[in-house]
PDB file of N, CA and C in Angstrom:
ATOM      1  N   UNK A   1       0.843  -1.185   0.000  1.00  0.00           N
ATOM      2  CA  UNK A   1       0.000   0.000   0.000  1.00  0.00           C
ATOM      3  C   UNK A   1       0.884   1.242   0.000  1.00  0.00           C
ATOM      4  N   UNK A   2       0.509   2.247  -0.791  1.00  0.00           N
ATOM      5  CA  UNK A   2       1.280   3.470  -0.907  1.00  0.00           C
ATOM      6  C   UNK A   2       0.917   4.411   0.230  1.00  0.00           C
ATOM      7  N   UNK A   3       1.940   5.027   0.816  1.00  0.00           N
ATOM      8  CA  UNK A   3       1.690   6.008   1.863  1.00  0.00           C
ATOM      9  C   UNK A   3       1.013   7.241   1.267  1.00  0.00           C
ATOM     10  N   UNK A   4       0.136   7.851   2.050  1.00  0.00           N
ATOM     11  CA  UNK A   4      -0.513   9.071   1.603  1.00  0.00           C
ATOM     12  C   UNK A   4       0.506  10.203   1.582  1.00  0.00           C
ATOM     13  N   UNK A   5       0.355  11.086   0.619  1.00  0.00           N
ATOM     14  CA  UNK A   5       1.231  12.227   0.469  1.00  0.00           C
ATOM     15  C   UNK A   5       0.364  13.469   0.447  1.00  0.00           C
ATOM     16  N   UNK A   6       0.793  14.518   1.137  1.00  0.00           N
ATOM     17  CA  UNK A   6       0.026  15.759   1.118  1.00  0.00           C
ATOM     18  C   UNK A   6       0.394  16.562  -0.123  1.00  0.00           C
ATOM     19  N   UNK A   7      -0.525  17.386  -0.607  1.00  0.00           N
ATOM     20  CA  UNK A   7      -0.243  18.173  -1.811  1.00  0.00           C
ATOM     21  C   UNK A   7       0.993  19.062  -1.664  1.00  0.00           C
ATOM     22  N   UNK A   8       1.247  19.529  -0.462  1.00  0.00           N
ATOM     23  CA  UNK A   8       2.400  20.401  -0.240  1.00  0.00           C
ATOM     24  C   UNK A   8       3.719  19.676  -0.482  1.00  0.00           C
ATOM     25  N   UNK A   9       3.716  18.353  -0.443  1.00  0.00           N
ATOM     26  CA  UNK A   9       4.930  17.578  -0.666  1.00  0.00           C
ATOM     27  C   UNK A   9       5.154  17.232  -2.139  1.00  0.00           C
ATOM     28  N   UNK A  10       4.225  17.643  -3.003  1.00  0.00           N
ATOM     29  CA  UNK A  10       4.422  17.431  -4.435  1.00  0.00           C
ATOM     30  C   UNK A  10       5.566  18.310  -4.919  1.00  0.00           C
ATOM     31  N   UNK A  11       6.341  17.832  -5.874  1.00  0.00           N
ATOM     32  CA  UNK A  11       7.320  18.727  -6.486  1.00  0.00           C
ATOM     33  C   UNK A  11       6.595  19.827  -7.255  1.00  0.00           C
ATOM     34  N   UNK A  12       7.277  20.895  -7.578  1.00  0.00           N
ATOM     35  CA  UNK A  12       6.658  22.020  -8.300  1.00  0.00           C
ATOM     36  C   UNK A  12       6.043  21.552  -9.617  1.00  0.00           C
ATOM     37  N   UNK A  13       6.701  20.602 -10.270  1.00  0.00           N
ATOM     38  CA  UNK A  13       6.196  19.990 -11.494  1.00  0.00           C
ATOM     39  C   UNK A  13       6.147  18.484 -11.232  1.00  0.00           C
ATOM     40  N   UNK A  14       4.929  17.934 -11.186  1.00  0.00           N
ATOM     41  CA  UNK A  14       4.750  16.547 -10.744  1.00  0.00           C
ATOM     42  C   UNK A  14       4.280  15.640 -11.879  1.00  0.00           C
ATOM     43  N   UNK A  15       4.655  14.373 -11.774  1.00  0.00           N
ATOM     44  CA  UNK A  15       4.179  13.343 -12.695  1.00  0.00           C
ATOM     45  C   UNK A  15       2.775  12.910 -12.292  1.00  0.00           C
ATOM     46  N   UNK A  16       2.060  12.302 -13.230  1.00  0.00           N
ATOM     47  CA  UNK A  16       0.709  11.818 -12.958  1.00  0.00           C
ATOM     48  C   UNK A  16       0.705  10.816 -11.805  1.00  0.00           C
ATOM     49  N   UNK A  17       1.738   9.987 -11.722  1.00  0.00           N
ATOM     50  CA  UNK A  17       1.826   8.999 -10.648  1.00  0.00           C
ATOM     51  C   UNK A  17       1.854   9.665  -9.275  1.00  0.00           C
ATOM     52  N   UNK A  18       2.571  10.780  -9.183  1.00  0.00           N
ATOM     53  CA  UNK A  18       2.671  11.498  -7.913  1.00  0.00           C
ATOM     54  C   UNK A  18       1.343  12.167  -7.557  1.00  0.00           C
ATOM     55  N   UNK A  19       0.699  12.751  -8.542  1.00  0.00           N
ATOM     56  CA  UNK A  19      -0.591  13.416  -8.310  1.00  0.00           C
ATOM     57  C   UNK A  19      -1.651  12.381  -7.928  1.00  0.00           C
ATOM     58  N   UNK A  20      -1.634  11.241  -8.573  1.00  0.00           N
ATOM     59  CA  UNK A  20      -2.606  10.189  -8.276  1.00  0.00           C
ATOM     60  C   UNK A  20      -2.527   9.765  -6.816  1.00  0.00           C
ATOM     61  N   UNK A  21      -1.327   9.691  -6.264  1.00  0.00           N
ATOM     62  CA  UNK A  21      -1.167   9.328  -4.854  1.00  0.00           C
ATOM     63  C   UNK A  21      -1.782  10.402  -3.965  1.00  0.00           C
ATOM     64  N   UNK A  22      -1.536  11.660  -4.294  1.00  0.00           N
ATOM     65  CA  UNK A  22      -2.034  12.768  -3.467  1.00  0.00           C
ATOM     66  C   UNK A  22      -3.554  12.818  -3.464  1.00  0.00           C
ATOM     67  N   UNK A  23      -4.172  12.673  -4.634  1.00  0.00           N
ATOM     68  CA  UNK A  23      -5.631  12.793  -4.701  1.00  0.00           C
ATOM     69  C   UNK A  23      -6.327  11.444  -4.566  1.00  0.00           C
ATOM     70  N   UNK A  24      -5.559  10.414  -4.264  1.00  0.00           N
ATOM     71  CA  UNK A  24      -6.081   9.076  -3.997  1.00  0.00           C
ATOM     72  C   UNK A  24      -6.944   8.557  -5.141  1.00  0.00           C
ATOM     73  N   UNK A  25      -6.351   8.578  -6.327  1.00  0.00           N
ATOM     74  CA  UNK A  25      -7.001   8.037  -7.513  1.00  0.00           C
ATOM     75  C   UNK A  25      -5.954   7.257  -8.297  1.00  0.00           C
ATOM     76  N   UNK A  26      -6.270   6.914  -9.528  1.00  0.00           N
ATOM     77  CA  UNK A  26      -5.331   6.166 -10.355  1.00  0.00           C
ATOM     78  C   UNK A  26      -4.818   7.035 -11.496  1.00  0.00           C
ATOM     79  N   UNK A  27      -3.705   6.623 -12.053  1.00  0.00           N
ATOM     80  CA  UNK A  27      -3.165   7.305 -13.226  1.00  0.00           C
ATOM     81  C   UNK A  27      -4.161   7.205 -14.374  1.00  0.00           C
ATOM     82  N   UNK A  28      -4.825   6.067 -14.493  1.00  0.00           N
ATOM     83  CA  UNK A  28      -5.832   5.894 -15.549  1.00  0.00           C
ATOM     84  C   UNK A  28      -7.007   6.853 -15.383  1.00  0.00           C
ATOM     85  N   UNK A  29      -7.422   7.094 -14.149  1.00  0.00           N
ATOM     86  CA  UNK A  29      -8.521   8.035 -13.909  1.00  0.00           C
ATOM     87  C   UNK A  29      -8.106   9.453 -14.295  1.00  0.00           C
ATOM     88  N   UNK A  30      -6.861   9.812 -13.993  1.00  0.00           N
ATOM     89  CA  UNK A  30      -6.357  11.130 -14.403  1.00  0.00           C
ATOM     90  C   UNK A  30      -6.333  11.234 -15.932  1.00  0.00           C
ATOM     91  N   UNK A  31      -5.939  10.160 -16.599  1.00  0.00           N
ATOM     92  CA  UNK A  31      -5.909  10.145 -18.060  1.00  0.00           C
ATOM     93  C   UNK A  31      -7.320  10.306 -18.631  1.00  0.00           C
ATOM     94  N   UNK A  32      -8.303   9.653 -18.026  1.00  0.00           N
ATOM     95  CA  UNK A  32      -9.692   9.801 -18.461  1.00  0.00           C
ATOM     96  C   UNK A  32     -10.156  11.245 -18.293  1.00  0.00           C
ATOM     97  N   UNK A  33      -9.800  11.862 -17.173  1.00  0.00           N
ATOM     98  CA  UNK A  33     -10.163  13.267 -16.944  1.00  0.00           C
ATOM     99  C   UNK A  33      -9.545  14.157 -18.018  1.00  0.00           C
ATOM    100  N   UNK A  34      -8.288  13.893 -18.369  1.00  0.00           N
ATOM    101  CA  UNK A  34      -7.648  14.693 -19.421  1.00  0.00           C
ATOM    102  C   UNK A  34      -8.365  14.487 -20.746  1.00  0.00           C
ATOM    103  N   UNK A  35      -8.695  13.253 -21.068  1.00  0.00           N
ATOM    104  CA  UNK A  35      -9.396  12.939 -22.320  1.00  0.00           C
ATOM    105  C   UNK A  35     -10.744  13.660 -22.386  1.00  0.00           C
ATOM    106  N   UNK A  36     -11.423  13.698 -21.262  1.00  0.00           N
ATOM    107  CA  UNK A  36     -12.743  14.349 -21.199  1.00  0.00           C
ATOM    108  C   UNK A  36     -12.647  15.848 -20.935  1.00  0.00           C
ATOM    109  N   UNK A  37     -11.424  16.355 -20.873  1.00  0.00           N
ATOM    110  CA  UNK A  37     -11.168  17.791 -20.649  1.00  0.00           C
ATOM    111  C   UNK A  37     -11.819  18.300 -19.366  1.00  0.00           C
ATOM    112  N   UNK A  38     -11.577  17.544 -18.283  1.00  0.00           N
ATOM    113  CA  UNK A  38     -12.076  17.948 -16.971  1.00  0.00           C
ATOM    114  C   UNK A  38     -10.988  17.600 -15.954  1.00  0.00           C
ATOM    115  N   UNK A  39     -11.232  17.933 -14.721  1.00  0.00           N
ATOM    116  CA  UNK A  39     -10.273  17.561 -13.684  1.00  0.00           C
ATOM    117  C   UNK A  39      -9.161  18.579 -13.508  1.00  0.00           C
ATOM    118  N   UNK A  40      -8.051  18.112 -13.006  1.00  0.00           N
ATOM    119  CA  UNK A  40      -6.924  18.969 -12.661  1.00  0.00           C
ATOM    120  C   UNK A  40      -6.237  19.457 -13.937  1.00  0.00           C
ATOM    121  N   UNK A  41      -5.987  20.779 -14.037  1.00  0.00           N
ATOM    122  CA  UNK A  41      -5.248  21.289 -15.201  1.00  0.00           C
ATOM    123  C   UNK A  41      -3.859  20.648 -15.273  1.00  0.00           C
ATOM    124  N   UNK A  42      -3.350  20.513 -16.491  1.00  0.00           N
ATOM    125  CA  UNK A  42      -2.042  19.893 -16.687  1.00  0.00           C
ATOM    126  C   UNK A  42      -1.297  20.614 -17.799  1.00  0.00           C
ATOM    127  N   UNK A  43      -0.027  20.321 -17.915  1.00  0.00           N
ATOM    128  CA  UNK A  43       0.791  20.856 -19.000  1.00  0.00           C
ATOM    129  C   UNK A  43       1.470  19.691 -19.700  1.00  0.00           C
ATOM    130  N   UNK A  44       1.860  19.925 -20.938  1.00  0.00           N
ATOM    131  CA  UNK A  44       2.629  18.924 -21.674  1.00  0.00           C
ATOM    132  C   UNK A  44       4.023  19.500 -21.896  1.00  0.00           C
ATOM    133  N   UNK A  45       5.001  18.734 -21.498  1.00  0.00           N
ATOM    134  CA  UNK A  45       6.393  19.128 -21.669  1.00  0.00           C
ATOM    135  C   UNK A  45       7.052  18.029 -22.493  1.00  0.00           C
ATOM    136  N   UNK A  46       7.408  18.355 -23.703  1.00  0.00           N
ATOM    137  CA  UNK A  46       8.016  17.357 -24.574  1.00  0.00           C
ATOM    138  C   UNK A  46       7.131  16.140 -24.783  1.00  0.00           C
ATOM    139  N   UNK A  47       5.818  16.343 -24.826  1.00  0.00           N
ATOM    140  CA  UNK A  47       4.891  15.241 -25.028  1.00  0.00           C
ATOM    141  C   UNK A  47       4.511  14.499 -23.758  1.00  0.00           C
ATOM    142  N   UNK A  48       5.129  14.853 -22.651  1.00  0.00           N
ATOM    143  CA  UNK A  48       4.833  14.185 -21.381  1.00  0.00           C
ATOM    144  C   UNK A  48       3.905  15.055 -20.538  1.00  0.00           C
ATOM    145  N   UNK A  49       2.968  14.416 -19.865  1.00  0.00           N
ATOM    146  CA  UNK A  49       1.999  15.120 -19.033  1.00  0.00           C
ATOM    147  C   UNK A  49       2.617  15.412 -17.671  1.00  0.00           C
ATOM    148  N   UNK A  50       2.481  16.639 -17.237  1.00  0.00           N
ATOM    149  CA  UNK A  50       2.941  17.049 -15.916  1.00  0.00           C
ATOM    150  C   UNK A  50       1.874  17.943 -15.291  1.00  0.00           C
ATOM    151  N   UNK A  51       1.846  17.943 -13.974  1.00  0.00           N
ATOM    152  CA  UNK A  51       0.906  18.762 -13.214  1.00  0.00           C
ATOM    153  C   UNK A  51       1.700  19.747 -12.373  1.00  0.00           C
ATOM    154  N   UNK A  52       1.262  20.995 -12.351  1.00  0.00           N
ATOM    155  CA  UNK A  52       1.901  21.995 -11.509  1.00  0.00           C
ATOM    156  C   UNK A  52       1.293  21.919 -10.120  1.00  0.00           C
ATOM    157  N   UNK A  53       2.148  21.933  -9.107  1.00  0.00           N
ATOM    158  CA  UNK A  53       1.670  21.852  -7.723  1.00  0.00           C
ATOM    159  C   UNK A  53       0.613  22.906  -7.447  1.00  0.00           C
ATOM    160  N   UNK A  54       0.827  24.135  -7.926  1.00  0.00           N
ATOM    161  CA  UNK A  54      -0.136  25.210  -7.664  1.00  0.00           C
ATOM    162  C   UNK A  54      -1.500  24.898  -8.288  1.00  0.00           C
ATOM    163  N   UNK A  55      -1.527  24.226  -9.434  1.00  0.00           N
ATOM    164  CA  UNK A  55      -2.799  23.840 -10.053  1.00  0.00           C
ATOM    165  C   UNK A  55      -3.504  22.747  -9.258  1.00  0.00           C
ATOM    166  N   UNK A  56      -2.744  21.800  -8.735  1.00  0.00           N
ATOM    167  CA  UNK A  56      -3.330  20.737  -7.909  1.00  0.00           C
ATOM    168  C   UNK A  56      -3.950  21.345  -6.655  1.00  0.00           C
ATOM    169  N   UNK A  57      -3.209  22.237  -5.991  1.00  0.00           N
ATOM    170  CA  UNK A  57      -3.722  22.886  -4.779  1.00  0.00           C
ATOM    171  C   UNK A  57      -4.966  23.715  -5.086  1.00  0.00           C
ATOM    172  N   UNK A  58      -4.942  24.470  -6.181  1.00  0.00           N
ATOM    173  CA  UNK A  58      -6.093  25.304  -6.552  1.00  0.00           C
ATOM    174  C   UNK A  58      -7.303  24.437  -6.883  1.00  0.00           C
ATOM    175  N   UNK A  59      -7.085  23.321  -7.562  1.00  0.00           N
ATOM    176  CA  UNK A  59      -8.184  22.421  -7.911  1.00  0.00           C
ATOM    177  C   UNK A  59      -8.814  21.827  -6.658  1.00  0.00           C
ATOM    178  N   UNK A  60      -7.996  21.396  -5.728  1.00  0.00           N
ATOM    179  CA  UNK A  60      -8.525  20.835  -4.486  1.00  0.00           C
ATOM    180  C   UNK A  60      -9.316  21.887  -3.702  1.00  0.00           C
ATOM    181  N   UNK A  61      -8.806  23.093  -3.643  1.00  0.00           N
ATOM    182  CA  UNK A  61      -9.497  24.168  -2.919  1.00  0.00           C
ATOM    183  C   UNK A  61     -10.822  24.517  -3.607  1.00  0.00           C
ATOM    184  N   UNK A  62     -10.812  24.589  -4.928  1.00  0.00           N
ATOM    185  CA  UNK A  62     -12.024  24.951  -5.686  1.00  0.00           C
ATOM    186  C   UNK A  62     -13.110  23.884  -5.563  1.00  0.00           C
ATOM    187  N   UNK A  63     -12.724  22.653  -5.284  1.00  0.00           N
ATOM    188  CA  UNK A  63     -13.694  21.561  -5.200  1.00  0.00           C
ATOM    189  C   UNK A  63     -14.001  21.152  -3.764  1.00  0.00           C
ATOM    190  N   UNK A  64     -13.632  21.971  -2.829  1.00  0.00           N
ATOM    191  CA  UNK A  64     -13.891  21.703  -1.419  1.00  0.00           C
ATOM    192  C   UNK A  64     -15.363  21.941  -1.111  1.00  0.00           C
ATOM    193  N   UNK A  65     -15.939  21.040  -0.339  1.00  0.00           N
ATOM    194  CA  UNK A  65     -17.361  21.153   0.023  1.00  0.00           C
ATOM    195  C   UNK A  65     -17.478  21.072   1.534  1.00  0.00           C
ATOM    196  N   UNK A  66     -18.267  21.972   2.097  1.00  0.00           N
ATOM    197  CA  UNK A  66     -18.497  21.957   3.542  1.00  0.00           C
ATOM    198  C   UNK A  66     -17.430  22.703   4.309  1.00  0.00           C
ATOM    199  N   UNK A  67     -17.558  22.654   5.626  1.00  0.00           N
ATOM    200  CA  UNK A  67     -16.591  23.347   6.483  1.00  0.00           C
ATOM    201  C   UNK A  67     -16.615  24.838   6.250  1.00  0.00           C
ATOM    202  N   UNK A  68     -15.440  25.412   6.111  1.00  0.00           N
ATOM    203  CA  UNK A  68     -15.310  26.852   5.913  1.00  0.00           C
ATOM    204  C   UNK A  68     -15.236  27.225   4.436  1.00  0.00           C
ATOM    205  N   UNK A  69     -15.629  26.302   3.551  1.00  0.00           N
ATOM    206  CA  UNK A  69     -15.556  26.565   2.113  1.00  0.00           C
ATOM    207  C   UNK A  69     -16.405  27.788   1.771  1.00  0.00           C
ATOM    208  N   UNK A  70     -15.877  28.612   0.929  1.00  0.00           N
ATOM    209  CA  UNK A  70     -16.582  29.839   0.540  1.00  0.00           C
ATOM    210  C   UNK A  70     -17.558  29.569  -0.574  1.00  0.00           C
TER     211      UNK A  70
END
């Protein structure tokens, strides 16, 4: 079992595998989100998919429900 990782521990530019661990999903689910043009924003660098830490954090905050969510 993979240890949970907090978003703050993501590198500034993260691989899909790293993001999948943080958001507790699969690389395949992230790929489906990209195909359907939804989910966490991403960038392509030399044909490879990467996620910016700031985009992951913003996506999680924007999709927060309950508590002190605005």
